Amino acid sequence: MPYGRVSKQDILEDTPFEFLDEMTTPKEEELPEPIVVSVVLLRNKIVKVTGKVTERIYLFNGAGSIIDDVDIRDAELLVNLPLPPSCCGSFPTPQFQIIGR
């Protein structure tokens, strides 16, 4: 057989099909539970934000509003959101804070 050419017969004979029986797909109950945390809004405004990882929509209704089931990956991105520029030379305060797991 010339170099670079393989016939279907060669592929079928050389491929071990036993490994297909051993392969399993994870069942839903075997998948790890997502880690969720509580996040609080620290600024007095209504904020609707979409999680960048899970694409869930989170709605905060003013300062002190808490959402208890925020995915940890989304929460880390929320905490690190860029802050809008502050006026009058004051220091910007963070918008979100993780308060519990």
C-alpha atoms as a PDB file:
ATOM      1  CA  MET A   1       0.000   0.000   0.000  1.00  0.00           C
ATOM      2  CA  PRO A   2       1.395   3.442  -0.904  1.00  0.00           C
ATOM      3  CA  TYR A   3       2.449   5.829   1.858  1.00  0.00           C
ATOM      4  CA  GLY A   4      -0.352   8.093   3.073  1.00  0.00           C
ATOM      5  CA  ARG A   5      -3.204   5.955   1.784  1.00  0.00           C
ATOM      6  CA  VAL A   6      -5.226   3.779   4.100  1.00  0.00           C
ATOM      7  CA  SER A   7      -8.123   1.615   3.109  1.00  0.00           C
ATOM      8  CA  LYS A   8     -11.287   1.195   5.172  1.00  0.00           C
ATOM      9  CA  GLN A   9     -10.460  -2.455   5.675  1.00  0.00           C
ATOM     10  CA  ASP A  10      -7.119  -1.568   7.314  1.00  0.00           C
ATOM     11  CA  ILE A  11      -8.792   0.890   9.654  1.00  0.00           C
ATOM     12  CA  LEU A  12     -11.474  -1.563  10.728  1.00  0.00           C
ATOM     13  CA  GLU A  13      -8.984  -4.345  11.349  1.00  0.00           C
ATOM     14  CA  ASP A  14      -6.526  -2.197  13.296  1.00  0.00           C
ATOM     15  CA  THR A  15      -9.019  -0.373  15.527  1.00  0.00           C
ATOM     16  CA  PRO A  16      -9.732  -2.044  18.864  1.00  0.00           C
ATOM     17  CA  PHE A  17     -13.467  -1.733  19.424  1.00  0.00           C
ATOM     18  CA  GLU A  18     -13.362  -3.185  22.936  1.00  0.00           C
ATOM     19  CA  PHE A  19     -12.666   0.243  24.423  1.00  0.00           C
ATOM     20  CA  LEU A  20     -16.083   1.510  23.278  1.00  0.00           C
ATOM     21  CA  ASP A  21     -17.805  -0.728  25.830  1.00  0.00           C
ATOM     22  CA  GLU A  22     -15.645   0.688  28.622  1.00  0.00           C
ATOM     23  CA  MET A  23     -16.418   4.315  27.762  1.00  0.00           C
ATOM     24  CA  THR A  24     -19.213   5.875  29.761  1.00  0.00           C
ATOM     25  CA  THR A  25     -20.747   9.289  29.670  1.00  0.00           C
ATOM     26  CA  PRO A  26     -21.262  11.020  33.004  1.00  0.00           C
ATOM     27  CA  LYS A  27     -24.817  10.905  34.256  1.00  0.00           C
ATOM     28  CA  GLU A  28     -26.402  14.027  35.624  1.00  0.00           C
ATOM     29  CA  GLU A  29     -26.207  12.755  39.178  1.00  0.00           C
ATOM     30  CA  GLU A  30     -22.466  12.154  38.754  1.00  0.00           C
ATOM     31  CA  LEU A  31     -21.748  15.750  37.687  1.00  0.00           C
ATOM     32  CA  PRO A  32     -20.407  17.956  40.486  1.00  0.00           C
ATOM     33  CA  GLU A  33     -22.785  20.388  42.113  1.00  0.00           C
ATOM     34  CA  PRO A  34     -22.061  23.979  41.123  1.00  0.00           C
ATOM     35  CA  ILE A  35     -20.574  26.029  43.930  1.00  0.00           C
ATOM     36  CA  VAL A  36     -22.919  28.855  44.827  1.00  0.00           C
ATOM     37  CA  VAL A  37     -22.295  31.870  47.011  1.00  0.00           C
ATOM     38  CA  SER A  38     -24.216  34.873  48.282  1.00  0.00           C
ATOM     39  CA  VAL A  39     -23.461  38.247  46.741  1.00  0.00           C
ATOM     40  CA  VAL A  40     -24.537  41.657  48.073  1.00  0.00           C
ATOM     41  CA  LEU A  41     -24.813  44.921  46.137  1.00  0.00           C
ATOM     42  CA  LEU A  42     -23.002  47.742  47.924  1.00  0.00           C
ATOM     43  CA  ARG A  43     -24.233  50.713  45.873  1.00  0.00           C
ATOM     44  CA  ASN A  44     -27.673  52.246  46.055  1.00  0.00           C
ATOM     45  CA  LYS A  45     -28.910  51.512  42.557  1.00  0.00           C
ATOM     46  CA  ILE A  46     -30.879  48.846  40.752  1.00  0.00           C
ATOM     47  CA  VAL A  47     -28.523  46.580  38.812  1.00  0.00           C
ATOM     48  CA  LYS A  48     -29.455  43.937  36.272  1.00  0.00           C
ATOM     49  CA  VAL A  49     -26.402  41.973  35.203  1.00  0.00           C
ATOM     50  CA  THR A  50     -25.921  38.805  33.165  1.00  0.00           C
ATOM     51  CA  GLY A  51     -23.378  36.272  34.398  1.00  0.00           C
ATOM     52  CA  LYS A  52     -20.562  35.927  31.898  1.00  0.00           C
ATOM     53  CA  VAL A  53     -20.049  32.217  32.606  1.00  0.00           C
ATOM     54  CA  THR A  54     -23.548  30.842  33.246  1.00  0.00           C
ATOM     55  CA  GLU A  55     -25.483  33.530  31.334  1.00  0.00           C
ATOM     56  CA  ARG A  56     -27.964  33.774  34.225  1.00  0.00           C
ATOM     57  CA  ILE A  57     -29.597  37.133  34.831  1.00  0.00           C
ATOM     58  CA  TYR A  58     -29.138  38.560  38.327  1.00  0.00           C
ATOM     59  CA  LEU A  59     -31.316  41.478  39.501  1.00  0.00           C
ATOM     60  CA  PHE A  60     -30.194  43.515  42.523  1.00  0.00           C
ATOM     61  CA  ASN A  61     -32.726  46.006  43.961  1.00  0.00           C
ATOM     62  CA  GLY A  62     -30.577  48.624  45.638  1.00  0.00           C
ATOM     63  CA  ALA A  63     -27.874  48.690  48.289  1.00  0.00           C
ATOM     64  CA  GLY A  64     -27.905  45.712  50.600  1.00  0.00           C
ATOM     65  CA  SER A  65     -29.856  43.440  48.257  1.00  0.00           C
ATOM     66  CA  ILE A  66     -28.565  39.883  48.400  1.00  0.00           C
ATOM     67  CA  ILE A  67     -28.772  37.052  45.902  1.00  0.00           C
ATOM     68  CA  ASP A  68     -28.050  33.708  47.558  1.00  0.00           C
ATOM     69  CA  ASP A  69     -27.493  31.380  44.620  1.00  0.00           C
ATOM     70  CA  VAL A  70     -24.849  33.048  42.456  1.00  0.00           C
ATOM     71  CA  ASP A  71     -22.429  30.662  40.771  1.00  0.00           C
ATOM     72  CA  ILE A  72     -18.913  31.182  42.167  1.00  0.00           C
ATOM     73  CA  ARG A  73     -17.509  31.803  38.674  1.00  0.00           C
ATOM     74  CA  ASP A  74     -20.035  34.576  38.033  1.00  0.00           C
ATOM     75  CA  ALA A  75     -19.517  35.998  41.530  1.00  0.00           C
ATOM     76  CA  GLU A  76     -15.779  36.357  41.036  1.00  0.00           C
ATOM     77  CA  LEU A  77     -16.392  38.277  37.824  1.00  0.00           C
ATOM     78  CA  LEU A  78     -19.034  40.479  39.486  1.00  0.00           C
ATOM     79  CA  VAL A  79     -16.648  41.445  42.272  1.00  0.00           C
ATOM     80  CA  ASN A  80     -13.988  42.380  39.732  1.00  0.00           C
ATOM     81  CA  LEU A  81     -16.250  44.444  37.452  1.00  0.00           C
ATOM     82  CA  PRO A  82     -14.647  47.721  36.434  1.00  0.00           C
ATOM     83  CA  LEU A  83     -16.027  50.620  38.447  1.00  0.00           C
ATOM     84  CA  PRO A  84     -17.443  53.730  36.845  1.00  0.00           C
ATOM     85  CA  PRO A  85     -15.380  56.851  37.430  1.00  0.00           C
ATOM     86  CA  SER A  86     -16.235  58.605  40.671  1.00  0.00           C
ATOM     87  CA  CYS A  87     -16.922  62.289  40.875  1.00  0.00           C
ATOM     88  CA  CYS A  88     -15.367  64.959  43.027  1.00  0.00           C
ATOM     89  CA  GLY A  89     -12.127  63.061  43.595  1.00  0.00           C
ATOM     90  CA  SER A  90     -13.686  60.512  45.954  1.00  0.00           C
ATOM     91  CA  PHE A  91     -12.481  56.952  45.956  1.00  0.00           C
ATOM     92  CA  PRO A  92     -14.696  54.456  44.177  1.00  0.00           C
ATOM     93  CA  THR A  93     -16.365  51.839  46.334  1.00  0.00           C
ATOM     94  CA  PRO A  94     -16.760  48.288  45.118  1.00  0.00           C
ATOM     95  CA  GLN A  95     -20.123  47.404  43.644  1.00  0.00           C
ATOM     96  CA  PHE A  96     -20.437  43.786  44.807  1.00  0.00           C
ATOM     97  CA  GLN A  97     -19.132  41.686  47.663  1.00  0.00           C
ATOM     98  CA  ILE A  98     -19.196  37.930  48.248  1.00  0.00           C
ATOM     99  CA  ILE A  99     -20.664  37.390  51.722  1.00  0.00           C
ATOM    100  CA  GLY A 100     -20.943  33.626  52.090  1.00  0.00           C
ATOM    101  CA  ARG A 101     -20.846  30.186  50.589  1.00  0.00           C
END
